[in-house]
Each structure stands twice: as structure tokens, then as C-alpha cells.
């Protein structure tokens, strides 16, 4: 299922971004 793989990769990228950026600066 390619769609599910892309979804998981997008989630992972968003998770790394949110980890790197403080919650106050995350809009």
C-alpha cells in the first residue's frame, strides 16, 4: 500500500519537525 507508506513518512517528518521546533513556535 503506497498511500499508507507515504502517510507514515509524512507523519514521521511532521514528528521530527515538531520535536525540533518548540511548541510555542509551532503554528
PDB file of N, CA and C in Angstrom:
ATOM      1  N   UNK A   1       0.856  -1.196   0.000  1.00  0.00           N
ATOM      2  CA  UNK A   1       0.000   0.000   0.000  1.00  0.00           C
ATOM      3  C   UNK A   1       0.898   1.255   0.000  1.00  0.00           C
ATOM      4  N   UNK A   2       1.059   1.833  -1.170  1.00  0.00           N
ATOM      5  CA  UNK A   2       1.928   3.002  -1.293  1.00  0.00           C
ATOM      6  C   UNK A   2       1.372   4.198  -0.504  1.00  0.00           C
ATOM      7  N   UNK A   3       0.051   4.395  -0.553  1.00  0.00           N
ATOM      8  CA  UNK A   3      -0.556   5.533   0.137  1.00  0.00           C
ATOM      9  C   UNK A   3      -0.253   5.509   1.626  1.00  0.00           C
ATOM     10  N   UNK A   4      -0.355   4.328   2.230  1.00  0.00           N
ATOM     11  CA  UNK A   4      -0.107   4.225   3.662  1.00  0.00           C
ATOM     12  C   UNK A   4       1.359   4.530   3.974  1.00  0.00           C
ATOM     13  N   UNK A   5       2.262   4.066   3.116  1.00  0.00           N
ATOM     14  CA  UNK A   5       3.683   4.326   3.339  1.00  0.00           C
ATOM     15  C   UNK A   5       3.959   5.827   3.289  1.00  0.00           C
ATOM     16  N   UNK A   6       3.393   6.493   2.279  1.00  0.00           N
ATOM     17  CA  UNK A   6       3.583   7.939   2.170  1.00  0.00           C
ATOM     18  C   UNK A   6       3.012   8.649   3.390  1.00  0.00           C
ATOM     19  N   UNK A   7       1.863   8.192   3.867  1.00  0.00           N
ATOM     20  CA  UNK A   7       1.230   8.798   5.038  1.00  0.00           C
ATOM     21  C   UNK A   7       2.135   8.668   6.254  1.00  0.00           C
ATOM     22  N   UNK A   8       2.722   7.484   6.450  1.00  0.00           N
ATOM     23  CA  UNK A   8       3.602   7.270   7.596  1.00  0.00           C
ATOM     24  C   UNK A   8       4.859   8.126   7.480  1.00  0.00           C
ATOM     25  N   UNK A   9       5.405   8.251   6.271  1.00  0.00           N
ATOM     26  CA  UNK A   9       6.597   9.087   6.088  1.00  0.00           C
ATOM     27  C   UNK A   9       6.283  10.546   6.392  1.00  0.00           C
ATOM     28  N   UNK A  10       5.097  11.000   5.974  1.00  0.00           N
ATOM     29  CA  UNK A  10       4.692  12.379   6.239  1.00  0.00           C
ATOM     30  C   UNK A  10       4.523  12.599   7.741  1.00  0.00           C
ATOM     31  N   UNK A  11       3.894  11.630   8.415  1.00  0.00           N
ATOM     32  CA  UNK A  11       3.731  11.715   9.864  1.00  0.00           C
ATOM     33  C   UNK A  11       5.090  11.789  10.541  1.00  0.00           C
ATOM     34  N   UNK A  12       6.021  10.945  10.111  1.00  0.00           N
ATOM     35  CA  UNK A  12       7.352  10.914  10.708  1.00  0.00           C
ATOM     36  C   UNK A  12       8.064  12.252  10.518  1.00  0.00           C
ATOM     37  N   UNK A  13       7.936  12.832   9.315  1.00  0.00           N
ATOM     38  CA  UNK A  13       8.561  14.124   9.036  1.00  0.00           C
ATOM     39  C   UNK A  13       7.958  15.201   9.938  1.00  0.00           C
ATOM     40  N   UNK A  14       6.642  15.204  10.079  1.00  0.00           N
ATOM     41  CA  UNK A  14       5.981  16.175  10.947  1.00  0.00           C
ATOM     42  C   UNK A  14       6.418  15.995  12.390  1.00  0.00           C
ATOM     43  N   UNK A  15       6.587  14.750  12.830  1.00  0.00           N
ATOM     44  CA  UNK A  15       7.017  14.467  14.193  1.00  0.00           C
ATOM     45  C   UNK A  15       8.413  15.028  14.431  1.00  0.00           C
ATOM     46  N   UNK A  16       9.323  14.814  13.489  1.00  0.00           N
ATOM     47  CA  UNK A  16      10.687  15.324  13.638  1.00  0.00           C
ATOM     48  C   UNK A  16      10.681  16.849  13.674  1.00  0.00           C
ATOM     49  N   UNK A  17       9.859  17.472  12.830  1.00  0.00           N
ATOM     50  CA  UNK A  17       9.759  18.929  12.821  1.00  0.00           C
ATOM     51  C   UNK A  17       9.261  19.435  14.171  1.00  0.00           C
ATOM     52  N   UNK A  18       8.211  18.821  14.693  1.00  0.00           N
ATOM     53  CA  UNK A  18       7.639  19.268  15.960  1.00  0.00           C
ATOM     54  C   UNK A  18       8.620  19.030  17.105  1.00  0.00           C
ATOM     55  N   UNK A  19       9.451  17.996  16.990  1.00  0.00           N
ATOM     56  CA  UNK A  19      10.462  17.735  18.017  1.00  0.00           C
ATOM     57  C   UNK A  19      11.548  18.812  17.974  1.00  0.00           C
ATOM     58  N   UNK A  20      11.889  19.258  16.767  1.00  0.00           N
ATOM     59  CA  UNK A  20      12.979  20.217  16.606  1.00  0.00           C
ATOM     60  C   UNK A  20      12.539  21.635  16.966  1.00  0.00           C
ATOM     61  N   UNK A  21      11.266  21.955  16.669  1.00  0.00           N
ATOM     62  CA  UNK A  21      10.759  23.310  16.904  1.00  0.00           C
ATOM     63  C   UNK A  21       9.977  23.341  18.215  1.00  0.00           C
ATOM     64  N   UNK A  22      10.248  24.325  19.073  1.00  0.00           N
ATOM     65  CA  UNK A  22       9.484  24.450  20.327  1.00  0.00           C
ATOM     66  C   UNK A  22       7.995  24.616  20.059  1.00  0.00           C
ATOM     67  N   UNK A  23       7.172  24.145  20.987  1.00  0.00           N
ATOM     68  CA  UNK A  23       5.720  24.185  20.803  1.00  0.00           C
ATOM     69  C   UNK A  23       5.240  25.621  20.583  1.00  0.00           C
ATOM     70  N   UNK A  24       5.852  26.589  21.255  1.00  0.00           N
ATOM     71  CA  UNK A  24       5.402  27.969  21.138  1.00  0.00           C
ATOM     72  C   UNK A  24       5.591  28.509  19.725  1.00  0.00           C
ATOM     73  N   UNK A  25       6.603  28.004  19.018  1.00  0.00           N
ATOM     74  CA  UNK A  25       6.879  28.494  17.670  1.00  0.00           C
ATOM     75  C   UNK A  25       6.228  27.630  16.607  1.00  0.00           C
ATOM     76  N   UNK A  26       5.454  26.618  17.007  1.00  0.00           N
ATOM     77  CA  UNK A  26       4.880  25.678  16.046  1.00  0.00           C
ATOM     78  C   UNK A  26       3.465  26.102  15.695  1.00  0.00           C
ATOM     79  N   UNK A  27       3.301  26.672  14.501  1.00  0.00           N
ATOM     80  CA  UNK A  27       1.971  27.124  14.094  1.00  0.00           C
ATOM     81  C   UNK A  27       1.423  26.232  13.015  1.00  0.00           C
TER      82      UNK A  27
END
